[in-house]
Amino acid sequence: QLQASGGGLVQAGDSLRLSCAASGRTGRFLRMGWFRQTPGKEREVVATVSWSRGSTDYADAVVGRFTISRDNAENTAYLQMHSLRPDDTAVYYCAVRLLGRSSYEIWGQGTLVTVSS
């Protein structure tokens, strides 16, 4: 199971760090990702990280502003967000893609990030 936390109300330009804690065994984790969704829009990928190697990928909209990382010892992934903008407002979800699987199948409950102008 995944437990996302760290969302809140911030002003444009502020920073925020999201956390995603995984419970249970993580030996089959391939990648962990952060996704976001706003009303009326499809969920979009924000950033992903390889659970074993730590390699990362980012959506163009967040490159240079967001950093994804993971702490294998704590079974936790983070999304550090800087220079937040109002269009970053969304519910942020963390998810896991398992070894041998082609999609993210384990999802956390979401945490709301609201950025005011």
Protein backbone atom coordinates (compact mmCIF):
# COMPACT_ATOMS: atom_id res chain seq x y z
CA GLN A 1 0.00 0.00 0.00
CA LEU A 2 1.04 3.57 -0.64
CA GLN A 3 0.41 6.54 1.62
CA ALA A 4 0.88 9.97 0.07
CA SER A 5 1.24 13.09 2.18
CA GLY A 6 2.58 16.61 2.18
CA GLY A 7 0.03 18.48 0.12
CA GLY A 8 -1.32 21.85 1.15
CA LEU A 9 -2.06 25.44 0.21
CA VAL A 10 0.90 27.52 -0.84
CA GLN A 11 1.55 30.71 -2.76
CA ALA A 12 3.06 30.93 -6.21
CA GLY A 13 6.83 30.66 -5.98
CA ASP A 14 6.76 28.58 -2.81
CA SER A 15 8.14 25.09 -2.33
CA LEU A 16 6.53 21.91 -1.07
CA ARG A 17 7.66 18.34 -0.57
CA LEU A 18 5.39 15.37 -1.08
CA SER A 19 6.09 11.98 0.45
CA CYS A 20 4.90 8.52 -0.55
CA ALA A 21 5.46 5.79 2.00
CA ALA A 22 5.20 2.19 0.88
CA SER A 23 4.19 -0.50 3.31
CA GLY A 24 4.95 -4.15 2.84
CA ARG A 25 7.57 -5.68 0.63
CA THR A 26 9.10 -3.52 -2.08
CA GLY A 27 11.29 -6.16 -3.71
CA ARG A 28 9.11 -6.21 -6.81
CA PHE A 29 9.05 -2.46 -7.27
CA LEU A 30 10.39 -1.38 -10.65
CA ARG A 31 9.53 2.31 -10.66
CA MET A 32 7.61 4.73 -8.50
CA GLY A 33 5.94 7.72 -10.02
CA TRP A 34 4.08 10.88 -9.14
CA PHE A 35 1.04 11.78 -11.16
CA ARG A 36 -1.43 14.64 -10.92
CA GLN A 37 -4.99 15.30 -11.93
CA THR A 38 -7.25 18.31 -12.07
CA PRO A 39 -11.03 18.26 -12.55
CA GLY A 40 -12.00 17.60 -16.13
CA LYS A 41 -8.54 16.52 -17.16
CA GLU A 42 -6.86 13.17 -17.47
CA ARG A 43 -4.27 12.16 -14.95
CA GLU A 44 -0.77 13.04 -16.14
CA VAL A 45 2.64 11.80 -15.17
CA VAL A 46 4.82 14.27 -13.31
CA ALA A 47 7.97 12.32 -12.55
CA THR A 48 9.14 8.74 -12.11
CA VAL A 49 12.14 7.12 -10.47
CA SER A 50 13.71 3.69 -10.78
CA TRP A 51 13.37 2.00 -7.39
CA SER A 52 16.70 0.18 -7.66
CA ARG A 53 18.90 2.55 -9.68
CA GLY A 54 17.37 5.92 -8.91
CA SER A 55 17.22 7.08 -12.52
CA THR A 56 14.55 9.68 -13.09
CA ASP A 57 12.20 11.02 -15.75
CA TYR A 58 10.22 14.26 -15.69
CA ALA A 59 7.36 15.84 -17.53
CA ASP A 60 8.48 18.87 -19.52
CA ALA A 61 6.28 21.14 -17.42
CA VAL A 62 8.22 20.42 -14.22
CA VAL A 63 11.79 20.05 -15.46
CA GLY A 64 14.10 22.22 -13.41
CA ARG A 65 11.47 22.82 -10.74
CA PHE A 66 10.59 19.38 -9.35
CA THR A 67 12.90 16.63 -8.13
CA ILE A 68 11.85 13.05 -7.48
CA SER A 69 13.89 10.83 -5.20
CA ARG A 70 13.52 7.67 -3.17
CA ASP A 71 14.90 6.34 0.06
CA ASN A 72 15.03 2.57 -0.19
CA ALA A 73 15.79 2.15 3.50
CA GLU A 74 12.65 4.08 4.41
CA ASN A 75 10.55 2.66 1.54
CA THR A 76 9.60 6.22 0.71
CA ALA A 77 9.66 8.38 -2.39
CA TYR A 78 9.62 12.15 -2.43
CA LEU A 79 8.65 14.88 -4.82
CA GLN A 80 10.38 18.14 -4.01
CA MET A 81 8.58 20.98 -5.75
CA HIS A 82 10.04 24.47 -6.15
CA SER A 83 8.80 27.59 -7.90
CA LEU A 84 5.26 26.36 -7.72
CA ARG A 85 2.76 27.92 -10.10
CA PRO A 86 -1.04 28.07 -10.02
CA ASP A 87 -1.18 25.55 -12.86
CA ASP A 88 0.56 23.03 -10.60
CA THR A 89 -2.64 22.90 -8.57
CA ALA A 90 -3.91 19.33 -8.63
CA VAL A 91 -4.39 16.18 -6.66
CA TYR A 92 -1.06 14.41 -6.68
CA TYR A 93 -0.91 10.62 -6.61
CA CYS A 94 1.98 8.27 -6.16
CA ALA A 95 2.00 4.91 -7.86
CA VAL A 96 4.18 1.88 -8.35
CA ARG A 97 4.99 -0.15 -11.39
CA LEU A 98 6.03 -3.68 -10.53
CA LEU A 99 8.67 -5.81 -12.19
CA GLY A 100 7.29 -7.49 -15.27
CA ARG A 101 4.35 -5.14 -15.51
CA SER A 102 3.83 -2.48 -18.16
CA SER A 103 1.74 -0.01 -16.20
CA TYR A 104 1.41 1.56 -12.76
CA GLU A 105 -1.00 -0.63 -10.86
CA ILE A 106 -0.60 0.25 -7.20
CA TRP A 107 -1.89 3.72 -6.31
CA GLY A 108 -1.90 5.90 -3.24
CA GLN A 109 -4.89 7.93 -2.16
CA GLY A 110 -3.77 11.33 -3.46
CA THR A 111 -2.81 14.55 -1.77
CA LEU A 112 -4.11 17.96 -2.79
CA VAL A 113 -1.71 20.73 -3.75
CA THR A 114 -3.21 24.18 -4.19
CA VAL A 115 -1.07 27.04 -5.43
CA SER A 116 -2.56 30.50 -5.13
CA SER A 117 -1.48 33.40 -7.31
